[in-house]
């Protein structure tokens, strides 16, 4: 639906419970694995031959484990402190995007605060391509600096994943064009997030087709590599 300034509604995020639980489970397994690594390896090396602990091993344990448990406690306290800033709701309305935190504070990025790009070949609203170390995101300019405009969070233990993420993005871009028309949006933003630049609606069909094409290309490449190794090296990687 195409909105105007008079009927532009507020849209709220809807938590993707399944994805959030999965991320938290993976985070929990990672924590357990790290804990087992830092505790299990030293103990297994010391008890490998069922012998009594030497004086050196006793001194190591007296120093190492208190430091380890102090570090774990410090990380836990930091997590509790960061939890207060955890995003629990995202809303987009005629003023901008609002991030509602666990502690009740609301952080905002308002349309009227957005500025023109200060860099050549970078649009006022553009996107940063993700890498294996960090996900991509949309960004704008405020006070002459980059400002990320996230529509989900992936911090360890503080993940918030809306299932209507792309609808939020489309609504936010629509709000920019209505309430801040001098701000130019990169066409790459619309393309990367499957947003129709005319209606600002999320094109689910286009997303599915794109992901299927990527999957097919990856499978073809894997099969090609497998056939190459099979006929040149005499063994198969996949089969």
Protein backbone atom coordinates (compact mmCIF):
# COMPACT_ATOMS: atom_id res chain seq x y z
CA UNK A 1 0.00 0.00 0.00
CA UNK A 2 1.20 3.51 -0.84
CA UNK A 3 0.85 5.97 2.03
CA UNK A 4 0.89 9.77 2.23
CA UNK A 5 1.74 12.14 5.06
CA UNK A 6 -1.81 12.09 6.41
CA UNK A 7 -2.32 8.33 6.68
CA UNK A 8 1.24 7.11 7.31
CA UNK A 9 0.80 4.53 10.12
CA UNK A 10 3.11 3.19 12.80
CA UNK A 11 4.43 -0.32 12.17
CA UNK A 12 5.88 -2.42 14.99
CA UNK A 13 8.29 -5.32 14.76
CA UNK A 14 7.14 -8.88 15.41
CA UNK A 15 9.73 -11.10 17.05
CA UNK A 16 10.76 -14.20 15.12
CA UNK A 17 10.59 -16.57 18.09
CA UNK A 18 11.95 -19.64 16.27
CA UNK A 19 15.03 -17.87 14.89
CA UNK A 20 15.67 -16.14 18.22
CA UNK A 21 15.52 -19.41 20.17
CA UNK A 22 17.85 -21.06 17.65
CA UNK A 23 20.40 -18.25 17.99
CA UNK A 24 20.23 -18.40 21.79
CA UNK A 25 20.71 -22.18 21.71
CA UNK A 26 23.79 -21.80 19.51
CA UNK A 27 25.10 -19.09 21.83
CA UNK A 28 24.52 -21.34 24.84
CA UNK A 29 26.30 -24.27 23.17
CA UNK A 30 29.22 -21.99 22.33
CA UNK A 31 29.47 -20.88 25.96
CA UNK A 32 29.37 -24.49 27.18
CA UNK A 33 32.03 -25.50 24.65
CA UNK A 34 34.31 -22.63 25.68
CA UNK A 35 33.82 -23.46 29.35
CA UNK A 36 34.61 -27.13 28.73
CA UNK A 37 37.69 -26.10 26.76
CA UNK A 38 39.15 -23.85 29.44
CA UNK A 39 38.34 -26.22 32.31
CA UNK A 40 38.51 -29.65 30.71
CA UNK A 41 41.84 -29.42 28.86
CA UNK A 42 43.99 -28.43 31.88
CA UNK A 43 42.33 -31.06 34.09
CA UNK A 44 42.56 -33.82 31.49
CA UNK A 45 46.27 -33.15 30.97
CA UNK A 46 46.92 -33.27 34.71
CA UNK A 47 44.86 -36.43 35.31
CA UNK A 48 45.94 -38.22 32.14
CA UNK A 49 48.02 -40.87 33.90
CA UNK A 50 45.93 -41.08 37.11
CA UNK A 51 48.90 -39.76 39.05
CA UNK A 52 48.97 -37.33 41.95
CA UNK A 53 49.21 -33.65 41.09
CA UNK A 54 52.72 -32.28 41.20
CA UNK A 55 53.66 -29.12 43.09
CA UNK A 56 53.85 -27.22 39.81
CA UNK A 57 50.38 -28.37 38.80
CA UNK A 58 48.98 -27.40 42.19
CA UNK A 59 50.46 -23.91 41.88
CA UNK A 60 49.07 -23.64 38.34
CA UNK A 61 45.58 -24.62 39.56
CA UNK A 62 45.71 -22.15 42.45
CA UNK A 63 46.52 -19.32 40.04
CA UNK A 64 44.65 -20.39 36.89
CA UNK A 65 41.19 -21.37 38.13
CA UNK A 66 40.54 -18.31 40.35
CA UNK A 67 41.51 -16.10 37.40
CA UNK A 68 39.27 -18.16 35.09
CA UNK A 69 36.25 -17.96 37.40
CA UNK A 70 36.85 -14.25 37.96
CA UNK A 71 36.83 -13.76 34.18
CA UNK A 72 33.59 -15.74 33.85
CA UNK A 73 32.00 -13.63 36.60
CA UNK A 74 33.15 -10.40 34.93
CA UNK A 75 31.66 -11.52 31.60
CA UNK A 76 28.40 -12.40 33.34
CA UNK A 77 28.23 -8.99 35.03
CA UNK A 78 28.95 -7.29 31.70
CA UNK A 79 26.18 -9.33 30.07
CA UNK A 80 23.72 -8.27 32.78
CA UNK A 81 24.71 -4.65 32.24
CA UNK A 82 24.41 -4.89 28.45
CA UNK A 83 21.06 -6.68 28.79
CA UNK A 84 19.47 -3.40 29.91
CA UNK A 85 20.27 -1.99 26.46
CA UNK A 86 18.82 -5.00 24.66
CA UNK A 87 16.31 -4.08 21.94
CA UNK A 88 12.89 -5.60 22.60
CA UNK A 89 10.81 -3.71 20.01
CA UNK A 90 11.37 -1.67 16.85
CA UNK A 91 8.75 0.79 15.57
CA UNK A 92 8.64 2.94 12.44
CA UNK A 93 6.28 5.93 12.22
CA UNK A 94 6.01 9.41 10.70
CA UNK A 95 8.97 10.63 12.77
CA UNK A 96 11.51 7.90 12.12
CA UNK A 97 12.63 4.57 13.56
CA UNK A 98 12.54 3.89 17.30
CA UNK A 99 14.47 1.23 19.23
CA UNK A 100 12.76 0.27 22.49
CA UNK A 101 15.26 -1.12 25.00
CA UNK A 102 14.81 -3.55 27.86
CA UNK A 103 15.40 -0.75 30.39
CA UNK A 104 12.56 1.36 28.96
CA UNK A 105 14.78 3.84 27.12
CA UNK A 106 13.92 4.52 23.48
CA UNK A 107 16.70 5.35 21.03
CA UNK A 108 15.62 7.10 17.83
CA UNK A 109 16.82 7.92 14.35
CA UNK A 110 14.54 10.67 13.08
CA UNK A 111 13.99 11.54 9.44
CA UNK A 112 14.66 15.21 10.13
CA UNK A 113 18.11 14.36 11.55
CA UNK A 114 19.28 12.64 8.38
CA UNK A 115 21.72 14.59 6.22
CA UNK A 116 23.07 14.50 2.69
CA UNK A 117 26.03 12.25 1.95
CA UNK A 118 29.45 13.79 2.41
CA UNK A 119 31.15 11.27 0.14
CA UNK A 120 31.22 10.89 -3.61
CA UNK A 121 29.51 7.80 -5.05
CA UNK A 122 27.72 7.18 -1.73
CA UNK A 123 24.00 7.93 -1.53
CA UNK A 124 22.36 9.67 1.42
CA UNK A 125 20.84 6.32 2.39
CA UNK A 126 23.02 3.42 1.30
CA UNK A 127 24.00 -0.07 2.38
CA UNK A 128 27.17 -1.74 3.54
CA UNK A 129 27.76 -5.16 2.07
CA UNK A 130 28.13 -7.86 4.70
CA UNK A 131 31.14 -10.11 5.15
CA UNK A 132 31.83 -13.38 6.93
CA UNK A 133 32.68 -11.35 10.04
CA UNK A 134 29.76 -8.91 10.08
CA UNK A 135 26.31 -8.69 8.48
CA UNK A 136 25.40 -5.99 5.99
CA UNK A 137 23.29 -3.05 7.06
CA UNK A 138 21.65 0.16 5.88
CA UNK A 139 23.27 3.43 6.88
CA UNK A 140 22.68 7.16 6.63
CA UNK A 141 24.47 10.35 7.62
CA UNK A 142 24.05 12.42 10.77
CA UNK A 143 26.32 15.27 11.87
CA UNK A 144 28.62 14.41 8.97
CA UNK A 145 29.16 10.82 10.12
CA UNK A 146 27.95 7.35 9.16
CA UNK A 147 25.10 6.07 11.32
CA UNK A 148 24.01 2.44 11.00
CA UNK A 149 20.24 1.95 10.76
CA UNK A 150 19.71 -1.63 11.95
CA UNK A 151 16.42 -3.51 11.68
CA UNK A 152 17.62 -6.46 13.75
CA UNK A 153 20.44 -7.09 16.23
CA UNK A 154 22.84 -10.01 16.41
CA UNK A 155 24.90 -9.23 19.52
CA UNK A 156 25.90 -12.31 21.51
CA UNK A 157 23.12 -13.11 23.94
CA UNK A 158 21.21 -9.94 22.94
CA UNK A 159 19.80 -11.03 19.59
CA UNK A 160 16.55 -9.53 18.32
CA UNK A 161 15.25 -10.83 14.99
CA UNK A 162 11.92 -9.46 13.68
CA UNK A 163 10.02 -11.70 11.28
CA UNK A 164 8.70 -8.59 9.49
CA UNK A 165 12.16 -7.05 9.06
CA UNK A 166 11.74 -6.31 5.36
CA UNK A 167 8.36 -4.67 5.91
CA UNK A 168 9.99 -2.39 8.50
CA UNK A 169 12.71 -1.50 6.00
CA UNK A 170 10.18 -0.70 3.27
CA UNK A 171 8.10 1.41 5.65
CA UNK A 172 11.17 3.34 6.80
CA UNK A 173 12.25 4.04 3.22
CA UNK A 174 8.70 5.17 2.45
CA UNK A 175 8.84 7.52 5.43
CA UNK A 176 12.08 9.05 4.18
CA UNK A 177 10.60 9.82 0.76
CA UNK A 178 7.52 11.40 2.36
CA UNK A 179 8.95 13.38 5.25
CA UNK A 180 12.50 13.99 4.05
CA UNK A 181 12.28 14.06 0.23
CA UNK A 182 15.67 15.74 -0.24
CA UNK A 183 17.36 12.57 1.08
CA UNK A 184 18.26 10.26 -1.80
CA UNK A 185 18.07 6.49 -1.37
CA UNK A 186 20.47 4.21 -3.25
CA UNK A 187 18.77 1.81 -5.65
CA UNK A 188 21.07 -0.87 -4.24
CA UNK A 189 19.16 -0.65 -0.95
CA UNK A 190 15.90 -1.48 -2.70
CA UNK A 191 17.55 -4.31 -4.66
CA UNK A 192 19.41 -5.88 -1.72
CA UNK A 193 16.34 -5.97 0.52
CA UNK A 194 13.82 -6.85 -2.22
CA UNK A 195 11.82 -3.64 -1.76
CA UNK A 196 9.74 -2.31 -4.65
CA UNK A 197 10.91 1.33 -5.11
CA UNK A 198 7.45 2.38 -6.33
CA UNK A 199 5.23 0.77 -3.68
CA UNK A 200 7.82 0.15 -0.90
CA UNK A 201 6.44 -3.34 -0.47
CA UNK A 202 8.59 -6.38 0.25
CA UNK A 203 8.79 -8.75 -2.74
CA UNK A 204 8.86 -12.18 -1.10
CA UNK A 205 8.70 -13.99 -4.44
CA UNK A 206 11.79 -12.19 -5.72
CA UNK A 207 13.68 -13.09 -2.54
CA UNK A 208 12.81 -16.79 -2.86
CA UNK A 209 13.82 -16.87 -6.54
CA UNK A 210 17.13 -15.14 -5.76
CA UNK A 211 17.97 -17.54 -2.93
CA UNK A 212 17.08 -20.54 -5.10
CA UNK A 213 19.31 -19.29 -7.91
CA UNK A 214 22.18 -18.79 -5.47
CA UNK A 215 21.65 -22.32 -4.11
CA UNK A 216 21.61 -23.78 -7.62
CA UNK A 217 24.82 -21.94 -8.57
CA UNK A 218 26.56 -23.21 -5.42
CA UNK A 219 25.43 -26.79 -6.11
CA UNK A 220 26.62 -26.59 -9.73
CA UNK A 221 30.01 -25.28 -8.59
CA UNK A 222 30.36 -28.07 -6.00
CA UNK A 223 29.45 -30.73 -8.56
CA UNK A 224 31.92 -29.24 -11.06
CA UNK A 225 34.71 -29.30 -8.46
CA UNK A 226 33.76 -32.87 -7.51
CA UNK A 227 33.87 -34.04 -11.14
CA UNK A 228 37.20 -32.30 -11.66
CA UNK A 229 38.80 -34.02 -8.65
CA UNK A 230 37.21 -37.34 -9.62
CA UNK A 231 38.72 -37.40 -13.10
CA UNK A 232 42.05 -35.77 -12.25
CA UNK A 233 42.79 -37.17 -8.80
CA UNK A 234 40.75 -40.35 -8.87
CA UNK A 235 38.53 -39.65 -5.86
CA UNK A 236 35.22 -37.92 -5.23
CA UNK A 237 34.61 -35.25 -2.60
CA UNK A 238 30.81 -35.39 -2.53
CA UNK A 239 29.95 -38.95 -3.58
